[in-house]
């Protein structure tokens, strides 16, 4: 991965862990759960491809432990979704069959993990139509099967598989684009469902969405604030990103710049004494880019 992708993947991981730790908050919301499962699938697939790319670049297989961790992650994602399906259908037997903890799978011997994962896969194939509603497709199940086979039978990759590496790079670009779309246009827009009942959950989600900007340029907003009547620049205007602690003041010439290490859409608020407050909504932020947000403020009567 390049620097931007590395930064994004760390953010994905933070969001994934936050959602996982607060599953009780959102799991009963069917629509939101479906979006979360789509994001989890993309996150897991990106992780798999990153590992596969590393393996091909090195010309050796991933360590057994790394493979085991990736296999456990995928097994828990699929078995957890199957357990949710079984719970909704009041299928007690299947709930018990698919109930696995991370500790249980991580501590189990390598010889036993493969058969357990094959058992999960077998049930998943049987319920693949319902799994598709949670964005777990045939492609995901095939990837899971390949993981199991790769874990049980480690095979070295060719040292110079250039075409395969290029294919992986292209697929990563596509998956990152899809993951960004799920976050920007689905999760970010629906997280407000929980604002009233669990403000801490939504606030923590916002901060987990922050990307540590490793690009050569800062992710920021800049602009100039003027008087709507005279056109003169306004100084000391408070410029803030709603729902965050990011804020600054305009200079004598009305200009400002503010680093905002988040992507997606934000709302920027402008406040000054005798002027009406202005809120610029749906400001699109892109990693490593500067977004212009200039406004003219109206003096109160």
Protein backbone atom coordinates (compact mmCIF):
# COMPACT_ATOMS: atom_id res chain seq x y z
CA UNK A 1 0.00 0.00 0.00
CA UNK A 2 1.07 3.57 -0.57
CA UNK A 3 1.14 6.22 2.20
CA UNK A 4 -2.44 7.36 1.62
CA UNK A 5 -3.77 3.79 1.61
CA UNK A 6 -1.81 2.99 4.78
CA UNK A 7 -3.38 5.99 6.51
CA UNK A 8 -6.85 5.03 5.34
CA UNK A 9 -6.43 1.40 6.38
CA UNK A 10 -5.45 2.44 9.91
CA UNK A 11 -8.60 4.57 10.03
CA UNK A 12 -10.69 1.66 8.72
CA UNK A 13 -9.25 -0.50 11.50
CA UNK A 14 -10.13 2.09 14.15
CA UNK A 15 -13.72 2.36 12.84
CA UNK A 16 -14.01 -1.45 12.63
CA UNK A 17 -12.86 -1.88 16.25
CA UNK A 18 -15.21 0.88 17.46
CA UNK A 19 -18.22 -0.68 15.73
CA UNK A 20 -17.30 -4.13 17.00
CA UNK A 21 -16.94 -2.90 20.58
CA UNK A 22 -20.35 -1.18 20.44
CA UNK A 23 -22.31 -3.82 18.55
CA UNK A 24 -25.08 -3.80 21.16
CA UNK A 25 -25.82 -0.18 20.22
CA UNK A 26 -26.52 -0.77 16.53
CA UNK A 27 -27.19 -4.48 15.92
CA UNK A 28 -30.98 -4.17 16.21
CA UNK A 29 -31.08 -1.52 13.49
CA UNK A 30 -31.40 -3.73 10.40
CA UNK A 31 -30.47 -1.04 7.88
CA UNK A 32 -27.41 0.13 9.78
CA UNK A 33 -26.33 -3.47 10.48
CA UNK A 34 -26.40 -4.21 6.76
CA UNK A 35 -24.13 -1.23 6.07
CA UNK A 36 -21.75 -2.26 8.86
CA UNK A 37 -21.52 -5.79 7.49
CA UNK A 38 -20.74 -4.42 4.04
CA UNK A 39 -17.93 -2.31 5.52
CA UNK A 40 -16.60 -5.26 7.55
CA UNK A 41 -16.52 -7.41 4.41
CA UNK A 42 -14.57 -4.76 2.49
CA UNK A 43 -12.18 -4.23 5.41
CA UNK A 44 -11.49 -7.97 5.72
CA UNK A 45 -11.00 -8.36 1.96
CA UNK A 46 -8.57 -5.44 1.82
CA UNK A 47 -6.63 -7.02 4.67
CA UNK A 48 -6.47 -10.30 2.79
CA UNK A 49 -5.24 -8.66 -0.41
CA UNK A 50 -2.66 -6.58 1.45
CA UNK A 51 -1.33 -9.80 2.93
CA UNK A 52 -1.43 -11.53 -0.45
CA UNK A 53 0.45 -8.66 -2.08
CA UNK A 54 3.09 -8.77 0.64
CA UNK A 55 3.43 -12.51 0.15
CA UNK A 56 3.92 -12.18 -3.60
CA UNK A 57 6.33 -9.28 -3.27
CA UNK A 58 8.44 -11.23 -0.84
CA UNK A 59 8.19 -14.44 -2.83
CA UNK A 60 7.34 -16.38 0.33
CA UNK A 61 4.16 -17.31 2.12
CA UNK A 62 2.86 -15.35 5.05
CA UNK A 63 3.76 -16.70 8.46
CA UNK A 64 1.40 -19.31 9.87
CA UNK A 65 0.41 -16.95 12.67
CA UNK A 66 -0.53 -14.10 10.32
CA UNK A 67 -2.55 -16.49 8.16
CA UNK A 68 -4.28 -17.82 11.25
CA UNK A 69 -5.23 -14.31 12.40
CA UNK A 70 -6.68 -13.45 8.98
CA UNK A 71 -8.60 -16.75 8.92
CA UNK A 72 -9.98 -16.16 12.43
CA UNK A 73 -11.12 -12.64 11.45
CA UNK A 74 -13.02 -13.92 8.42
CA UNK A 75 -14.46 -16.91 10.33
CA UNK A 76 -15.79 -14.63 13.08
CA UNK A 77 -17.33 -12.22 10.59
CA UNK A 78 -19.19 -14.98 8.72
CA UNK A 79 -20.16 -17.04 11.79
CA UNK A 80 -21.34 -13.89 13.59
CA UNK A 81 -23.61 -12.99 10.67
CA UNK A 82 -24.93 -16.57 10.53
CA UNK A 83 -25.62 -16.45 14.25
CA UNK A 84 -27.61 -13.23 13.79
CA UNK A 85 -29.64 -14.88 11.00
CA UNK A 86 -30.26 -17.93 13.17
CA UNK A 87 -31.23 -15.79 16.16
CA UNK A 88 -33.80 -13.91 14.12
CA UNK A 89 -35.23 -17.24 12.90
CA UNK A 90 -35.17 -18.60 16.47
CA UNK A 91 -32.92 -21.45 15.32
CA UNK A 92 -31.32 -22.27 18.69
CA UNK A 93 -29.34 -25.20 17.34
CA UNK A 94 -27.68 -23.11 14.66
CA UNK A 95 -26.98 -20.27 17.10
CA UNK A 96 -25.04 -22.71 19.29
CA UNK A 97 -23.29 -24.19 16.27
CA UNK A 98 -22.09 -20.77 15.04
CA UNK A 99 -21.25 -19.28 18.44
CA UNK A 100 -17.48 -18.81 18.53
CA UNK A 101 -15.39 -16.33 20.48
CA UNK A 102 -12.15 -14.78 19.21
CA UNK A 103 -10.25 -16.29 22.14
CA UNK A 104 -11.63 -19.75 21.38
CA UNK A 105 -10.56 -19.68 17.72
CA UNK A 106 -7.20 -18.05 18.39
CA UNK A 107 -6.29 -20.58 21.08
CA UNK A 108 -7.37 -23.65 19.15
CA UNK A 109 -4.66 -25.76 17.51
CA UNK A 110 -3.88 -25.16 13.85
CA UNK A 111 -4.94 -28.74 13.06
CA UNK A 112 -8.45 -28.15 14.43
CA UNK A 113 -9.00 -24.62 13.11
CA UNK A 114 -9.26 -25.70 9.46
CA UNK A 115 -12.09 -28.22 10.05
CA UNK A 116 -14.03 -25.72 12.19
CA UNK A 117 -13.75 -23.11 9.45
CA UNK A 118 -14.92 -25.65 6.88
CA UNK A 119 -17.94 -26.29 9.11
CA UNK A 120 -18.69 -22.54 9.13
CA UNK A 121 -18.23 -22.42 5.35
CA UNK A 122 -20.60 -25.36 4.86
CA UNK A 123 -23.37 -23.59 6.79
CA UNK A 124 -22.59 -20.33 4.98
CA UNK A 125 -23.05 -21.98 1.58
CA UNK A 126 -26.40 -23.34 2.75
CA UNK A 127 -27.53 -19.84 3.78
CA UNK A 128 -25.75 -17.88 1.06
CA UNK A 129 -28.94 -16.18 -0.15
CA UNK A 130 -29.58 -14.69 3.29
CA UNK A 131 -25.90 -13.83 3.70
CA UNK A 132 -26.09 -11.86 0.46
CA UNK A 133 -28.48 -9.48 2.24
CA UNK A 134 -25.56 -8.65 4.55
CA UNK A 135 -23.17 -8.11 1.59
CA UNK A 136 -21.45 -11.46 2.11
CA UNK A 137 -21.38 -12.72 -1.45
CA UNK A 138 -20.16 -15.84 -3.26
CA UNK A 139 -16.89 -13.97 -3.82
CA UNK A 140 -16.45 -13.59 -0.06
CA UNK A 141 -17.20 -17.27 0.56
CA UNK A 142 -14.75 -18.29 -2.16
CA UNK A 143 -12.09 -16.08 -0.56
CA UNK A 144 -12.84 -17.75 2.78
CA UNK A 145 -12.47 -21.22 1.23
CA UNK A 146 -9.15 -20.19 -0.32
CA UNK A 147 -7.99 -18.95 3.07
CA UNK A 148 -8.78 -22.30 4.65
CA UNK A 149 -6.95 -24.18 1.91
CA UNK A 150 -4.01 -21.79 2.09
CA UNK A 151 -3.82 -22.17 5.85
CA UNK A 152 -3.85 -25.95 5.74
CA UNK A 153 -1.50 -26.24 2.81
CA UNK A 154 1.03 -23.43 2.65
CA UNK A 155 2.35 -22.98 -0.85
CA UNK A 156 5.10 -20.60 -1.82
CA UNK A 157 4.23 -17.98 -4.42
CA UNK A 158 6.44 -17.32 -7.48
CA UNK A 159 9.18 -14.77 -6.79
CA UNK A 160 8.39 -12.60 -9.80
CA UNK A 161 4.62 -12.73 -10.23
CA UNK A 162 4.46 -9.24 -11.75
CA UNK A 163 1.09 -9.59 -13.45
CA UNK A 164 -0.48 -10.97 -10.28
CA UNK A 165 0.89 -8.07 -8.23
CA UNK A 166 -0.53 -5.57 -10.71
CA UNK A 167 -3.89 -7.28 -10.50
CA UNK A 168 -3.85 -7.03 -6.70
CA UNK A 169 -2.89 -3.34 -6.82
CA UNK A 170 -5.80 -2.63 -9.15
CA UNK A 171 -8.20 -4.58 -6.94
CA UNK A 172 -7.00 -2.70 -3.85
CA UNK A 173 -7.72 0.63 -5.54
CA UNK A 174 -11.26 -0.56 -6.31
CA UNK A 175 -11.84 -1.86 -2.78
CA UNK A 176 -10.54 1.31 -1.15
CA UNK A 177 -12.90 3.30 -3.37
CA UNK A 178 -15.83 1.10 -2.32
CA UNK A 179 -14.91 1.31 1.36
CA UNK A 180 -14.67 5.11 1.13
CA UNK A 181 -18.09 5.20 -0.50
CA UNK A 182 -19.63 3.06 2.26
CA UNK A 183 -18.12 5.32 4.93
CA UNK A 184 -18.76 8.68 3.24
CA UNK A 185 -22.21 8.05 1.81
CA UNK A 186 -23.69 5.43 4.12
CA UNK A 187 -22.18 5.08 7.60
CA UNK A 188 -21.40 8.79 8.03
CA UNK A 189 -24.93 9.70 6.92
CA UNK A 190 -26.73 7.16 9.14
CA UNK A 191 -24.64 7.33 12.33
CA UNK A 192 -26.93 10.19 13.42
CA UNK A 193 -29.65 7.58 14.06
CA UNK A 194 -27.98 6.95 17.42
CA UNK A 195 -27.23 10.57 18.40
CA UNK A 196 -30.16 10.91 20.79
CA UNK A 197 -29.72 7.58 22.60
CA UNK A 198 -25.92 7.27 22.61
CA UNK A 199 -24.10 10.52 21.90
CA UNK A 200 -20.80 9.05 23.14
CA UNK A 201 -20.99 6.32 20.48
CA UNK A 202 -21.54 8.82 17.66
CA UNK A 203 -18.87 11.23 18.93
CA UNK A 204 -16.31 8.43 19.26
CA UNK A 205 -17.20 7.26 15.76
CA UNK A 206 -16.41 10.75 14.42
CA UNK A 207 -12.99 10.75 16.03
CA UNK A 208 -12.22 7.24 14.83
CA UNK A 209 -12.92 8.50 11.31
CA UNK A 210 -9.94 10.85 11.60
CA UNK A 211 -7.12 9.88 9.26
CA UNK A 212 -3.54 10.41 10.37
CA UNK A 213 -2.47 12.44 7.35
CA UNK A 214 0.70 10.88 5.95
CA UNK A 215 0.41 12.64 2.60
CA UNK A 216 2.83 15.33 1.49
CA UNK A 217 0.04 17.91 1.77
CA UNK A 218 -2.31 18.55 4.66
CA UNK A 219 -5.99 17.80 4.55
CA UNK A 220 -7.40 21.23 5.29
CA UNK A 221 -9.91 23.99 4.57
CA UNK A 222 -9.07 27.59 3.76
CA UNK A 223 -10.89 30.68 2.61
CA UNK A 224 -11.69 34.35 3.11
CA UNK A 225 -14.56 35.81 5.14
CA UNK A 226 -15.99 39.18 4.06
CA UNK A 227 -18.79 41.61 4.89
CA UNK A 228 -21.68 40.90 2.48
CA UNK A 229 -22.40 44.63 2.03
CA UNK A 230 -18.99 46.35 1.92
CA UNK A 231 -16.98 43.38 0.71
CA UNK A 232 -14.37 44.21 3.33
CA UNK A 233 -12.51 41.31 5.03
CA UNK A 234 -13.62 40.35 8.52
CA UNK A 235 -11.02 39.50 11.16
CA UNK A 236 -11.39 37.36 14.29
CA UNK A 237 -14.28 35.35 12.82
CA UNK A 238 -14.52 32.04 14.68
CA UNK A 239 -14.33 29.22 12.11
CA UNK A 240 -15.17 25.75 13.45
CA UNK A 241 -16.02 22.27 12.18
CA UNK A 242 -19.31 21.25 13.78
CA UNK A 243 -19.15 18.20 16.01
CA UNK A 244 -15.37 18.43 16.44
CA UNK A 245 -12.74 20.45 18.32
CA UNK A 246 -11.20 21.85 15.11
CA UNK A 247 -11.41 25.66 15.08
CA UNK A 248 -9.47 28.82 14.23
CA UNK A 249 -9.92 32.59 13.72
CA UNK A 250 -9.61 34.68 10.57
CA UNK A 251 -6.63 37.03 10.16
CA UNK A 252 -6.69 40.78 9.50
CA UNK A 253 -7.20 40.16 5.78
CA UNK A 254 -10.15 37.84 6.51
CA UNK A 255 -8.25 34.72 5.51
CA UNK A 256 -8.01 31.47 7.44
CA UNK A 257 -6.65 27.96 7.08
CA UNK A 258 -7.51 25.00 9.27
CA UNK A 259 -6.16 21.45 9.19
CA UNK A 260 -9.07 19.01 9.32
CA UNK A 261 -7.68 15.44 9.16
CA UNK A 262 -10.98 13.80 8.20
CA UNK A 263 -12.50 12.75 4.90
CA UNK A 264 -16.09 12.81 3.76
CA UNK A 265 -18.54 15.65 4.34
CA UNK A 266 -18.28 18.21 7.14
CA UNK A 267 -20.19 21.32 8.22
CA UNK A 268 -18.21 24.52 8.78
CA UNK A 269 -19.60 27.27 11.03
CA UNK A 270 -18.64 30.99 10.97
CA UNK A 271 -19.41 33.21 13.98
CA UNK A 272 -18.68 36.88 14.73
CA UNK A 273 -20.29 39.31 17.20
CA UNK A 274 -22.85 41.44 15.37
CA UNK A 275 -23.06 39.19 12.30
CA UNK A 276 -25.46 36.35 11.59
CA UNK A 277 -23.81 32.96 11.93
CA UNK A 278 -23.19 31.07 8.69
CA UNK A 279 -23.03 27.28 8.33
CA UNK A 280 -21.61 25.75 5.17
CA UNK A 281 -22.92 22.17 5.02
CA UNK A 282 -21.80 19.13 3.01
CA UNK A 283 -18.26 20.42 2.47
CA UNK A 284 -16.40 17.55 0.76
CA UNK A 285 -13.01 16.72 2.28
CA UNK A 286 -10.43 14.60 0.44
CA UNK A 287 -7.23 13.21 1.93
CA UNK A 288 -4.23 15.44 1.27
CA UNK A 289 -6.34 18.12 -0.44
CA UNK A 290 -7.18 21.75 0.43
CA UNK A 291 -10.85 22.71 0.17
CA UNK A 292 -11.87 26.35 -0.30
CA UNK A 293 -14.67 27.55 2.00
CA UNK A 294 -15.15 31.31 1.58
CA UNK A 295 -18.26 33.12 2.84
CA UNK A 296 -19.82 36.55 3.08
CA UNK A 297 -21.48 37.39 6.41
CA UNK A 298 -24.55 39.58 6.94
CA UNK A 299 -24.62 42.10 9.77
CA UNK A 300 -27.60 41.80 12.10
CA UNK A 301 -30.13 44.62 12.07
